[in-house]
Amino acid sequence: MRLVRGTRTKAGWVTAIATTGYLYKFTIAVLCTPLIYLVHALIEKYLGKEKATEMKKAALAKG
């Protein structure tokens, strides 16, 4: 069975684009996770432990 001309090249491009997209998303997630935890800690520190806990419980009760 013969391959259609350019099939390998197109498959290679699809693989390259998919891999690049996956690595980009993974990198952004790894870099953003510590930032999210930092912001969470700063908000909790600003509100105070009791108020933050109260707000979390209120949000969970609504959901």
C-alpha atoms as a PDB file:
ATOM      1  CA  MET A   1       0.000   0.000   0.000  1.00  0.00           C
ATOM      2  CA  ARG A   2       1.435   3.335  -1.017  1.00  0.00           C
ATOM      3  CA  LEU A   3       1.258   6.400   1.131  1.00  0.00           C
ATOM      4  CA  VAL A   4      -0.371   9.457  -0.300  1.00  0.00           C
ATOM      5  CA  ARG A   5       2.199  12.111  -1.071  1.00  0.00           C
ATOM      6  CA  GLY A   6       2.722  14.396   1.936  1.00  0.00           C
ATOM      7  CA  THR A   7       0.923  12.160   4.437  1.00  0.00           C
ATOM      8  CA  ARG A   8       3.961  11.658   6.610  1.00  0.00           C
ATOM      9  CA  THR A   9       4.723  15.355   6.601  1.00  0.00           C
ATOM     10  CA  LYS A  10       1.159  16.272   7.637  1.00  0.00           C
ATOM     11  CA  ALA A  11       1.185  13.661  10.386  1.00  0.00           C
ATOM     12  CA  GLY A  12       4.506  15.041  11.581  1.00  0.00           C
ATOM     13  CA  TRP A  13       3.104  18.568  11.690  1.00  0.00           C
ATOM     14  CA  VAL A  14       0.032  17.432  13.628  1.00  0.00           C
ATOM     15  CA  THR A  15       2.224  15.620  16.135  1.00  0.00           C
ATOM     16  CA  ALA A  16       4.542  18.616  16.481  1.00  0.00           C
ATOM     17  CA  ILE A  17       1.675  21.052  17.007  1.00  0.00           C
ATOM     18  CA  ALA A  18      -0.066  18.778  19.517  1.00  0.00           C
ATOM     19  CA  THR A  19       3.162  18.236  21.454  1.00  0.00           C
ATOM     20  CA  THR A  20       3.981  21.944  21.478  1.00  0.00           C
ATOM     21  CA  GLY A  21       0.475  22.812  22.680  1.00  0.00           C
ATOM     22  CA  TYR A  22       0.610  20.207  25.425  1.00  0.00           C
ATOM     23  CA  LEU A  23       4.044  21.364  26.624  1.00  0.00           C
ATOM     24  CA  TYR A  24       2.894  25.001  26.581  1.00  0.00           C
ATOM     25  CA  LYS A  25      -0.187  24.224  28.701  1.00  0.00           C
ATOM     26  CA  PHE A  26       1.846  22.074  31.075  1.00  0.00           C
ATOM     27  CA  THR A  27       4.465  24.811  31.530  1.00  0.00           C
ATOM     28  CA  ILE A  28       1.837  27.475  32.195  1.00  0.00           C
ATOM     29  CA  ALA A  29       0.115  25.219  34.739  1.00  0.00           C
ATOM     30  CA  VAL A  30       3.392  24.498  36.547  1.00  0.00           C
ATOM     31  CA  LEU A  31       4.251  28.205  36.675  1.00  0.00           C
ATOM     32  CA  CYS A  32       0.771  29.357  37.733  1.00  0.00           C
ATOM     33  CA  THR A  33       0.202  26.823  40.521  1.00  0.00           C
ATOM     34  CA  PRO A  34       2.615  28.425  43.033  1.00  0.00           C
ATOM     35  CA  LEU A  35       1.182  31.834  42.161  1.00  0.00           C
ATOM     36  CA  ILE A  36      -2.357  30.614  42.892  1.00  0.00           C
ATOM     37  CA  TYR A  37      -1.265  29.216  46.262  1.00  0.00           C
ATOM     38  CA  LEU A  38       0.520  32.480  47.082  1.00  0.00           C
ATOM     39  CA  VAL A  39      -2.557  34.579  46.285  1.00  0.00           C
ATOM     40  CA  HIS A  40      -4.707  32.191  48.320  1.00  0.00           C
ATOM     41  CA  ALA A  41      -2.401  32.546  51.311  1.00  0.00           C
ATOM     42  CA  LEU A  42      -2.317  36.346  50.998  1.00  0.00           C
ATOM     43  CA  ILE A  43      -6.111  36.566  50.857  1.00  0.00           C
ATOM     44  CA  GLU A  44      -6.457  34.275  53.854  1.00  0.00           C
ATOM     45  CA  LYS A  45      -3.894  36.341  55.764  1.00  0.00           C
ATOM     46  CA  TYR A  46      -5.705  39.573  54.853  1.00  0.00           C
ATOM     47  CA  LEU A  47      -9.138  38.265  55.878  1.00  0.00           C
ATOM     48  CA  GLY A  48      -7.971  36.334  58.896  1.00  0.00           C
ATOM     49  CA  LYS A  49      -8.318  32.605  59.425  1.00  0.00           C
ATOM     50  CA  GLU A  50     -11.803  32.761  60.968  1.00  0.00           C
ATOM     51  CA  LYS A  51     -13.342  35.038  58.329  1.00  0.00           C
ATOM     52  CA  ALA A  52     -11.783  33.015  55.497  1.00  0.00           C
ATOM     53  CA  THR A  53     -13.166  29.776  56.942  1.00  0.00           C
ATOM     54  CA  GLU A  54     -16.586  31.374  57.381  1.00  0.00           C
ATOM     55  CA  MET A  55     -16.599  32.553  53.760  1.00  0.00           C
ATOM     56  CA  LYS A  56     -15.520  29.128  52.492  1.00  0.00           C
ATOM     57  CA  LYS A  57     -18.356  27.456  54.384  1.00  0.00           C
ATOM     58  CA  ALA A  58     -20.863  29.997  53.042  1.00  0.00           C
ATOM     59  CA  ALA A  59     -19.661  29.441  49.478  1.00  0.00           C
ATOM     60  CA  LEU A  60     -19.895  25.659  49.835  1.00  0.00           C
ATOM     61  CA  ALA A  61     -23.408  25.916  51.268  1.00  0.00           C
ATOM     62  CA  LYS A  62     -24.564  27.898  48.217  1.00  0.00           C
ATOM     63  CA  GLY A  63     -23.042  25.485  45.699  1.00  0.00           C
END
